[in-house]
Protein backbone atom coordinates (compact mmCIF):
# COMPACT_ATOMS: atom_id res chain seq x y z
CA MET A 1 33.23 13.90 28.57
CA LYS A 2 31.31 11.46 31.19
CA LYS A 3 30.52 14.73 33.66
CA PHE A 4 29.17 16.39 30.56
CA LYS A 5 27.08 13.54 29.60
CA GLU A 6 25.56 13.13 33.22
CA ALA A 7 24.80 16.85 33.25
CA HIS A 8 23.17 17.02 29.94
CA PRO A 9 21.75 13.57 29.30
CA ASP A 10 19.83 14.50 26.22
CA TYR A 11 22.29 16.95 24.67
CA PHE A 12 23.63 14.24 21.85
CA LYS A 13 20.25 12.91 21.40
CA HIS A 14 19.01 16.32 20.28
CA LYS A 15 22.15 17.18 18.63
CA ASN A 16 21.74 13.62 16.39
CA ALA A 17 17.94 14.29 15.61
CA GLU A 18 18.78 18.15 14.63
CA HIS A 19 21.77 16.65 12.30
CA TYR A 20 19.52 13.81 10.68
CA ALA A 21 16.93 16.48 9.95
CA ALA A 22 19.29 18.84 8.38
CA ASN A 23 20.86 15.89 6.45
CA ARG A 24 17.86 14.04 5.61
CA GLU A 25 18.19 12.86 2.19
CA GLU A 26 21.82 12.52 2.28
CA GLN A 27 21.50 10.08 5.18
CA LYS A 28 18.54 8.29 3.27
CA ALA A 29 21.03 7.90 0.19
CA ARG A 30 23.95 6.82 2.19
CA ARG A 31 21.53 3.84 3.58
CA LYS A 32 20.09 2.91 0.31
CA LYS A 33 23.49 2.74 -1.20
CA TYR A 34 25.14 0.61 1.61
CA TYR A 35 21.77 -1.68 1.74
CA ALA A 36 22.42 -2.05 -2.14
CA GLU A 37 26.06 -3.23 -1.75
CA ASN A 38 25.23 -5.30 1.18
CA SER A 39 21.95 -6.53 0.75
CA GLU A 40 22.62 -10.52 1.18
CA GLN A 41 24.36 -9.60 4.34
CA GLU A 42 21.55 -7.37 5.82
CA LYS A 43 19.17 -10.12 4.70
CA LEU A 44 20.86 -12.88 6.78
CA TYR A 45 21.09 -10.44 9.39
CA GLN A 46 17.66 -9.55 9.62
CA ARG A 47 16.43 -13.24 9.19
CA GLU A 48 18.78 -14.08 12.36
CA TYR A 49 17.48 -11.14 14.11
CA TYR A 50 13.94 -12.15 13.52
CA GLY A 51 14.32 -15.92 14.28
CA GLU A 52 15.96 -15.04 17.66
CA ASN A 53 13.50 -12.32 18.69
CA LYS A 54 10.30 -13.49 17.17
CA GLU A 55 8.17 -13.79 19.98
CA THR A 56 9.20 -10.26 21.47
CA ILE A 57 8.62 -8.68 17.68
CA LEU A 58 5.22 -10.31 17.63
CA ALA A 59 4.24 -9.58 21.18
CA LYS A 60 5.03 -5.66 20.63
CA GLN A 61 3.11 -5.59 17.02
CA LYS A 62 -0.30 -7.21 18.55
CA THR A 63 -0.14 -4.68 21.47
CA ASN A 64 1.04 -1.45 19.66
CA THR A 65 -2.43 0.15 19.08
CA ASN A 66 -0.52 3.26 17.60
CA ARG A 67 1.07 1.13 14.97
CA LYS A 68 -1.95 -0.45 13.90
CA GLU A 69 -3.96 2.84 13.87
CA TYR A 70 -0.94 4.43 11.83
CA PHE A 71 -0.88 2.16 8.99
CA LYS A 72 -4.74 1.52 8.96
CA LYS A 73 -4.97 5.42 8.17
CA TYR A 74 -2.05 5.01 6.12
CA TYR A 75 -3.52 2.54 3.83
CA ARG A 76 -6.67 4.36 3.61
CA ASP A 77 -5.21 7.40 2.79
CA LEU A 78 -3.08 5.77 0.17
CA LYS A 79 -6.33 4.25 -1.28
CA GLN A 80 -8.15 7.53 -1.44
CA ARG A 81 -5.01 9.24 -3.03
CA VAL A 82 -5.21 6.39 -5.79
CA ILE A 83 -8.91 6.81 -6.15
CA THR A 84 -8.82 10.35 -6.79
CA ALA A 85 -6.15 10.05 -9.34
CA TYR A 86 -8.21 7.88 -11.35
CA GLY A 87 -11.16 9.91 -11.37
CA GLY A 88 -13.08 9.09 -8.16
CA ALA A 89 -16.03 7.30 -9.40
CA CYS A 90 -16.64 3.83 -11.47
CA GLU A 91 -16.24 4.25 -15.09
CA CYS A 92 -18.98 1.89 -15.64
CA CYS A 93 -21.93 3.14 -13.37
CA GLY A 94 -20.95 6.01 -11.61
CA GLU A 95 -20.35 4.58 -8.13
CA PHE A 96 -18.34 6.86 -5.94
CA TYR A 97 -18.51 5.34 -2.34
CA PHE A 98 -14.62 4.80 -1.46
CA GLU A 99 -15.45 1.55 -0.24
CA PHE A 100 -16.58 0.00 -3.39
CA LEU A 101 -14.06 1.20 -5.71
CA THR A 102 -10.86 -0.54 -6.85
CA ILE A 103 -8.34 -0.93 -9.61
CA ASP A 104 -9.06 -2.71 -12.86
CA HIS A 105 -6.41 -4.15 -14.96
CA ILE A 106 -8.14 -3.43 -18.66
CA ASN A 107 -5.99 -5.95 -20.34
CA GLY A 108 -7.21 -8.81 -17.92
CA GLN A 109 -3.65 -9.44 -16.57
CA GLY A 110 -4.29 -8.77 -12.97
CA ARG A 111 -3.04 -12.00 -11.83
CA VAL A 112 0.39 -11.35 -13.48
CA ASP A 113 0.52 -7.68 -12.42
CA ARG A 114 -0.35 -8.82 -8.64
CA LYS A 115 2.47 -11.14 -8.64
CA ALA A 116 4.97 -8.78 -9.95
CA LYS A 117 3.74 -5.64 -8.34
CA GLY A 118 2.05 -6.84 -4.99
CA SER A 119 -1.52 -6.61 -4.21
CA GLY A 120 -3.48 -4.31 -2.32
CA SER A 121 -1.85 -1.55 -0.67
CA GLY A 122 1.22 -2.84 -2.17
CA PHE A 123 0.19 -2.49 -5.68
CA TYR A 124 -1.52 1.00 -4.48
CA ALA A 125 1.98 2.16 -3.73
CA TRP A 126 3.36 0.91 -6.90
CA LEU A 127 0.36 3.09 -8.80
CA GLU A 128 1.45 6.09 -6.59
CA LYS A 129 5.34 5.60 -6.94
CA ASN A 130 5.08 5.41 -10.96
CA GLY A 131 2.80 8.60 -11.26
CA PHE A 132 -0.47 6.83 -11.42
CA PRO A 133 -0.34 5.24 -14.76
CA LYS A 134 -3.67 5.28 -16.90
CA GLU A 135 -2.40 2.75 -19.58
CA GLY A 136 -4.03 -0.55 -18.78
CA TYR A 137 -5.64 0.59 -15.18
CA ARG A 138 -9.16 2.09 -14.77
CA LEU A 139 -11.25 2.54 -11.86
CA LEU A 140 -14.50 0.24 -11.22
CA CYS A 141 -16.72 -0.55 -8.50
CA ILE A 142 -15.96 -4.15 -6.99
CA ASN A 143 -19.14 -5.37 -8.60
CA CYS A 144 -18.30 -4.04 -12.04
CA ASN A 145 -14.94 -5.18 -12.05
CA PHE A 146 -16.09 -8.84 -10.73
CA ALA A 147 -18.70 -9.06 -13.55
CA ILE A 148 -16.24 -8.20 -16.38
CA GLY A 149 -13.62 -10.52 -15.00
CA LYS A 150 -16.19 -13.41 -14.46
CA TYR A 151 -18.33 -12.94 -17.45
CA GLY A 152 -16.41 -10.68 -19.86
CA HIS A 153 -19.07 -7.72 -19.82
CA CYS A 154 -20.69 -5.57 -17.12
CA PRO A 155 -24.35 -5.90 -16.77
CA HIS A 156 -24.71 -2.17 -16.84
CA LYS A 157 -23.62 -1.83 -20.44
CA ILE A 158 -26.14 -4.42 -21.96
CA LYS A 159 -29.92 -4.51 -22.28
CA PRO A 160 -31.61 -6.39 -19.36
CA LEU A 161 -32.83 -10.03 -20.39
CA PRO A 162 -36.06 -11.13 -19.47
CA PRO A 163 -36.46 -13.27 -16.06
CA THR A 164 -35.91 -17.13 -16.78
CA SER A 165 -38.73 -18.03 -14.00
CA PRO A 166 -42.02 -16.18 -13.30
CA PRO A 167 -41.58 -13.76 -10.24
CA LEU A 168 -42.43 -14.99 -7.10
CA PRO A 169 -45.84 -14.05 -5.42
């Protein structure tokens, strides 16, 4: 066996990769079951490992530009999928620029929801995982969302008020 490994150094690496690819779902299920049965032990191990190797881990994360770019693209794609699922434009004013759009909690329970489901990309992942539920959520631009949260209404939906001070010359 030793001679074989020396003659074919990548054989087992490729063999394991092929086996994993063929049995991916089974492997995932087995790992998930193991983690569920040993979650406290695994969490303790992970905390200890991180505590012992914190500097190395953080240094790798800071210098790994591929990782940063991957997650930047992943989260942008995730937000794009969420925006598309909720109509692609603000329900109030019709704004369609990706950067301005956000999910609104219709019932005003955003704080409670963020605590339970996470915020930002974690919340978007929750929405995707749960089939983009329409009940209780809608797509608004950040201006409409803020105005409704702060003042209880959006300026797009009411008549403009006359200015309280004279216009500047």
